[in-house]
Amino acid sequence: MSEPKKKKAFVLRVNPEMMAAIEQWAQDEFRSVNGQIEWILNDALRKSGRKKK
């Protein structure tokens, strides 16, 4: 059985307008804010060719 992937916590500072937009986007897609930010980052990495398959 493989070990579950561990996640690294870090502080992210964003302006209030950006945070409000991310919160609304997450709510629209039934995700948590953390899940939405992960999705955004994964999508950007995939589109740039920087994410391993």
PDB file of N, CA and C in Angstrom:
ATOM      1  N   MET A   1       0.838  -1.172   0.000  1.00  0.00           N
ATOM      2  CA  MET A   1       0.000   0.000   0.000  1.00  0.00           C
ATOM      3  C   MET A   1       0.886   1.240   0.000  1.00  0.00           C
ATOM      4  N   SER A   2       0.566   2.237  -0.862  1.00  0.00           N
ATOM      5  CA  SER A   2       1.392   3.436  -0.921  1.00  0.00           C
ATOM      6  C   SER A   2       0.985   4.440   0.156  1.00  0.00           C
ATOM      7  N   GLU A   3       1.958   5.260   0.545  1.00  0.00           N
ATOM      8  CA  GLU A   3       1.704   6.282   1.559  1.00  0.00           C
ATOM      9  C   GLU A   3       0.900   7.424   0.945  1.00  0.00           C
ATOM     10  N   PRO A   4      -0.001   8.022   1.719  1.00  0.00           N
ATOM     11  CA  PRO A   4      -0.729   9.172   1.191  1.00  0.00           C
ATOM     12  C   PRO A   4       0.222  10.352   0.973  1.00  0.00           C
ATOM     13  N   LYS A   5      -0.045  11.154  -0.056  1.00  0.00           N
ATOM     14  CA  LYS A   5       0.802  12.316  -0.325  1.00  0.00           C
ATOM     15  C   LYS A   5       0.583  13.355   0.759  1.00  0.00           C
ATOM     16  N   LYS A   6       1.693  13.890   1.275  1.00  0.00           N
ATOM     17  CA  LYS A   6       1.618  14.912   2.311  1.00  0.00           C
ATOM     18  C   LYS A   6       1.588  16.276   1.648  1.00  0.00           C
ATOM     19  N   LYS A   7       0.900  17.205   2.271  1.00  0.00           N
ATOM     20  CA  LYS A   7       0.812  18.566   1.760  1.00  0.00           C
ATOM     21  C   LYS A   7       1.604  19.490   2.660  1.00  0.00           C
ATOM     22  N   LYS A   8       2.210  20.485   2.058  1.00  0.00           N
ATOM     23  CA  LYS A   8       2.998  21.457   2.806  1.00  0.00           C
ATOM     24  C   LYS A   8       2.159  22.711   3.015  1.00  0.00           C
ATOM     25  N   ALA A   9       2.059  23.155   4.237  1.00  0.00           N
ATOM     26  CA  ALA A   9       1.315  24.368   4.563  1.00  0.00           C
ATOM     27  C   ALA A   9       2.213  25.589   4.403  1.00  0.00           C
ATOM     28  N   PHE A  10       1.621  26.701   3.967  1.00  0.00           N
ATOM     29  CA  PHE A  10       2.357  27.952   3.873  1.00  0.00           C
ATOM     30  C   PHE A  10       1.374  29.110   3.947  1.00  0.00           C
ATOM     31  N   VAL A  11       1.880  30.282   4.246  1.00  0.00           N
ATOM     32  CA  VAL A  11       1.052  31.484   4.335  1.00  0.00           C
ATOM     33  C   VAL A  11       0.976  32.127   2.956  1.00  0.00           C
ATOM     34  N   LEU A  12      -0.210  32.522   2.569  1.00  0.00           N
ATOM     35  CA  LEU A  12      -0.407  33.202   1.290  1.00  0.00           C
ATOM     36  C   LEU A  12      -1.110  34.527   1.560  1.00  0.00           C
ATOM     37  N   ARG A  13      -0.514  35.603   1.112  1.00  0.00           N
ATOM     38  CA  ARG A  13      -1.116  36.923   1.304  1.00  0.00           C
ATOM     39  C   ARG A  13      -1.706  37.384  -0.018  1.00  0.00           C
ATOM     40  N   VAL A  14      -2.996  37.713  -0.007  1.00  0.00           N
ATOM     41  CA  VAL A  14      -3.661  38.253  -1.192  1.00  0.00           C
ATOM     42  C   VAL A  14      -4.495  39.459  -0.770  1.00  0.00           C
ATOM     43  N   ASN A  15      -4.731  40.348  -1.710  1.00  0.00           N
ATOM     44  CA  ASN A  15      -5.526  41.525  -1.365  1.00  0.00           C
ATOM     45  C   ASN A  15      -6.998  41.118  -1.201  1.00  0.00           C
ATOM     46  N   PRO A  16      -7.773  41.918  -0.486  1.00  0.00           N
ATOM     47  CA  PRO A  16      -9.160  41.561  -0.187  1.00  0.00           C
ATOM     48  C   PRO A  16     -10.035  41.323  -1.424  1.00  0.00           C
ATOM     49  N   GLU A  17      -9.814  42.093  -2.481  1.00  0.00           N
ATOM     50  CA  GLU A  17     -10.607  41.914  -3.700  1.00  0.00           C
ATOM     51  C   GLU A  17     -10.335  40.559  -4.348  1.00  0.00           C
ATOM     52  N   MET A  18      -9.059  40.164  -4.386  1.00  0.00           N
ATOM     53  CA  MET A  18      -8.703  38.875  -4.957  1.00  0.00           C
ATOM     54  C   MET A  18      -9.277  37.741  -4.111  1.00  0.00           C
ATOM     55  N   MET A  19      -9.186  37.885  -2.798  1.00  0.00           N
ATOM     56  CA  MET A  19      -9.715  36.856  -1.902  1.00  0.00           C
ATOM     57  C   MET A  19     -11.219  36.708  -2.085  1.00  0.00           C
ATOM     58  N   ALA A  20     -11.928  37.820  -2.199  1.00  0.00           N
ATOM     59  CA  ALA A  20     -13.376  37.759  -2.414  1.00  0.00           C
ATOM     60  C   ALA A  20     -13.704  37.050  -3.721  1.00  0.00           C
ATOM     61  N   ALA A  21     -12.937  37.327  -4.773  1.00  0.00           N
ATOM     62  CA  ALA A  21     -13.171  36.678  -6.064  1.00  0.00           C
ATOM     63  C   ALA A  21     -12.902  35.174  -5.977  1.00  0.00           C
ATOM     64  N   ILE A  22     -11.836  34.782  -5.278  1.00  0.00           N
ATOM     65  CA  ILE A  22     -11.519  33.356  -5.120  1.00  0.00           C
ATOM     66  C   ILE A  22     -12.588  32.667  -4.281  1.00  0.00           C
ATOM     67  N   GLU A  23     -13.048  33.323  -3.230  1.00  0.00           N
ATOM     68  CA  GLU A  23     -14.108  32.740  -2.393  1.00  0.00           C
ATOM     69  C   GLU A  23     -15.380  32.519  -3.201  1.00  0.00           C
ATOM     70  N   GLN A  24     -15.745  33.492  -4.036  1.00  0.00           N
ATOM     71  CA  GLN A  24     -16.946  33.345  -4.856  1.00  0.00           C
ATOM     72  C   GLN A  24     -16.773  32.239  -5.889  1.00  0.00           C
ATOM     73  N   TRP A  25     -15.610  32.183  -6.527  1.00  0.00           N
ATOM     74  CA  TRP A  25     -15.320  31.154  -7.515  1.00  0.00           C
ATOM     75  C   TRP A  25     -15.397  29.775  -6.870  1.00  0.00           C
ATOM     76  N   ALA A  26     -14.801  29.639  -5.701  1.00  0.00           N
ATOM     77  CA  ALA A  26     -14.842  28.357  -4.977  1.00  0.00           C
ATOM     78  C   ALA A  26     -16.286  27.975  -4.663  1.00  0.00           C
ATOM     79  N   GLN A  27     -17.059  28.925  -4.198  1.00  0.00           N
ATOM     80  CA  GLN A  27     -18.465  28.651  -3.877  1.00  0.00           C
ATOM     81  C   GLN A  27     -19.234  28.241  -5.135  1.00  0.00           C
ATOM     82  N   ASP A  28     -18.978  28.915  -6.248  1.00  0.00           N
ATOM     83  CA  ASP A  28     -19.649  28.588  -7.510  1.00  0.00           C
ATOM     84  C   ASP A  28     -19.349  27.174  -7.972  1.00  0.00           C
ATOM     85  N   GLU A  29     -18.158  26.664  -7.655  1.00  0.00           N
ATOM     86  CA  GLU A  29     -17.737  25.333  -8.100  1.00  0.00           C
ATOM     87  C   GLU A  29     -17.777  24.303  -6.980  1.00  0.00           C
ATOM     88  N   PHE A  30     -18.429  24.663  -5.856  1.00  0.00           N
ATOM     89  CA  PHE A  30     -18.610  23.744  -4.723  1.00  0.00           C
ATOM     90  C   PHE A  30     -17.293  23.195  -4.193  1.00  0.00           C
ATOM     91  N   ARG A  31     -16.312  24.085  -4.087  1.00  0.00           N
ATOM     92  CA  ARG A  31     -15.010  23.729  -3.518  1.00  0.00           C
ATOM     93  C   ARG A  31     -14.751  24.611  -2.306  1.00  0.00           C
ATOM     94  N   SER A  32     -13.822  24.170  -1.463  1.00  0.00           N
ATOM     95  CA  SER A  32     -13.317  25.038  -0.408  1.00  0.00           C
ATOM     96  C   SER A  32     -12.381  26.052  -1.054  1.00  0.00           C
ATOM     97  N   VAL A  33     -12.080  27.123  -0.348  1.00  0.00           N
ATOM     98  CA  VAL A  33     -11.137  28.108  -0.874  1.00  0.00           C
ATOM     99  C   VAL A  33      -9.777  27.450  -1.091  1.00  0.00           C
ATOM    100  N   ASN A  34      -9.359  26.618  -0.137  1.00  0.00           N
ATOM    101  CA  ASN A  34      -8.082  25.918  -0.280  1.00  0.00           C
ATOM    102  C   ASN A  34      -8.102  25.010  -1.516  1.00  0.00           C
ATOM    103  N   GLY A  35      -9.184  24.286  -1.685  1.00  0.00           N
ATOM    104  CA  GLY A  35      -9.321  23.409  -2.857  1.00  0.00           C
ATOM    105  C   GLY A  35      -9.299  24.195  -4.149  1.00  0.00           C
ATOM    106  N   GLN A  36      -9.933  25.374  -4.145  1.00  0.00           N
ATOM    107  CA  GLN A  36      -9.954  26.210  -5.346  1.00  0.00           C
ATOM    108  C   GLN A  36      -8.568  26.713  -5.680  1.00  0.00           C
ATOM    109  N   ILE A  37      -7.826  27.153  -4.674  1.00  0.00           N
ATOM    110  CA  ILE A  37      -6.462  27.634  -4.914  1.00  0.00           C
ATOM    111  C   ILE A  37      -5.585  26.502  -5.438  1.00  0.00           C
ATOM    112  N   GLU A  38      -5.720  25.302  -4.878  1.00  0.00           N
ATOM    113  CA  GLU A  38      -4.970  24.145  -5.392  1.00  0.00           C
ATOM    114  C   GLU A  38      -5.327  23.876  -6.845  1.00  0.00           C
ATOM    115  N   TRP A  39      -6.624  23.952  -7.167  1.00  0.00           N
ATOM    116  CA  TRP A  39      -7.075  23.703  -8.541  1.00  0.00           C
ATOM    117  C   TRP A  39      -6.472  24.738  -9.492  1.00  0.00           C
ATOM    118  N   ILE A  40      -6.505  26.023  -9.085  1.00  0.00           N
ATOM    119  CA  ILE A  40      -5.949  27.100  -9.908  1.00  0.00           C
ATOM    120  C   ILE A  40      -4.458  26.857 -10.163  1.00  0.00           C
ATOM    121  N   LEU A  41      -3.720  26.516  -9.108  1.00  0.00           N
ATOM    122  CA  LEU A  41      -2.276  26.280  -9.251  1.00  0.00           C
ATOM    123  C   LEU A  41      -1.990  25.059 -10.129  1.00  0.00           C
ATOM    124  N   ASN A  42      -2.730  23.973  -9.904  1.00  0.00           N
ATOM    125  CA  ASN A  42      -2.544  22.774 -10.732  1.00  0.00           C
ATOM    126  C   ASN A  42      -2.844  23.052 -12.194  1.00  0.00           C
ATOM    127  N   ASP A  43      -3.910  23.812 -12.461  1.00  0.00           N
ATOM    128  CA  ASP A  43      -4.271  24.148 -13.836  1.00  0.00           C
ATOM    129  C   ASP A  43      -3.180  24.993 -14.491  1.00  0.00           C
ATOM    130  N   ALA A  44      -2.650  25.972 -13.764  1.00  0.00           N
ATOM    131  CA  ALA A  44      -1.576  26.810 -14.301  1.00  0.00           C
ATOM    132  C   ALA A  44      -0.317  25.989 -14.578  1.00  0.00           C
ATOM    133  N   LEU A  45       0.029  25.078 -13.667  1.00  0.00           N
ATOM    134  CA  LEU A  45       1.207  24.224 -13.870  1.00  0.00           C
ATOM    135  C   LEU A  45       1.019  23.304 -15.074  1.00  0.00           C
ATOM    136  N   ARG A  46      -0.175  22.746 -15.216  1.00  0.00           N
ATOM    137  CA  ARG A  46      -0.456  21.853 -16.344  1.00  0.00           C
ATOM    138  C   ARG A  46      -0.370  22.618 -17.661  1.00  0.00           C
ATOM    139  N   LYS A  47      -0.998  23.797 -17.713  1.00  0.00           N
ATOM    140  CA  LYS A  47      -1.002  24.593 -18.940  1.00  0.00           C
ATOM    141  C   LYS A  47       0.393  25.071 -19.339  1.00  0.00           C
ATOM    142  N   SER A  48       1.263  25.281 -18.367  1.00  0.00           N
ATOM    143  CA  SER A  48       2.617  25.751 -18.663  1.00  0.00           C
ATOM    144  C   SER A  48       3.584  24.608 -18.957  1.00  0.00           C
ATOM    145  N   GLY A  49       3.101  23.373 -18.808  1.00  0.00           N
ATOM    146  CA  GLY A  49       3.956  22.214 -19.061  1.00  0.00           C
ATOM    147  C   GLY A  49       4.917  21.920 -17.919  1.00  0.00           C
ATOM    148  N   ARG A  50       4.676  22.470 -16.748  1.00  0.00           N
ATOM    149  CA  ARG A  50       5.577  22.294 -15.617  1.00  0.00           C
ATOM    150  C   ARG A  50       5.141  21.192 -14.653  1.00  0.00           C
ATOM    151  N   LYS A  51       3.964  20.623 -14.875  1.00  0.00           N
ATOM    152  CA  LYS A  51       3.460  19.593 -13.960  1.00  0.00           C
ATOM    153  C   LYS A  51       3.755  18.213 -14.517  1.00  0.00           C
ATOM    154  N   LYS A  52       4.329  17.375 -13.650  1.00  0.00           N
ATOM    155  CA  LYS A  52       4.598  16.005 -14.046  1.00  0.00           C
ATOM    156  C   LYS A  52       3.281  15.248 -14.101  1.00  0.00           C
ATOM    157  N   LYS A  53       3.183  14.302 -15.021  1.00  0.00           N
ATOM    158  CA  LYS A  53       1.953  13.514 -15.162  1.00  0.00           C
ATOM    159  C   LYS A  53       1.873  12.446 -14.120  1.00  0.00           C
TER     160      LYS A  53
END
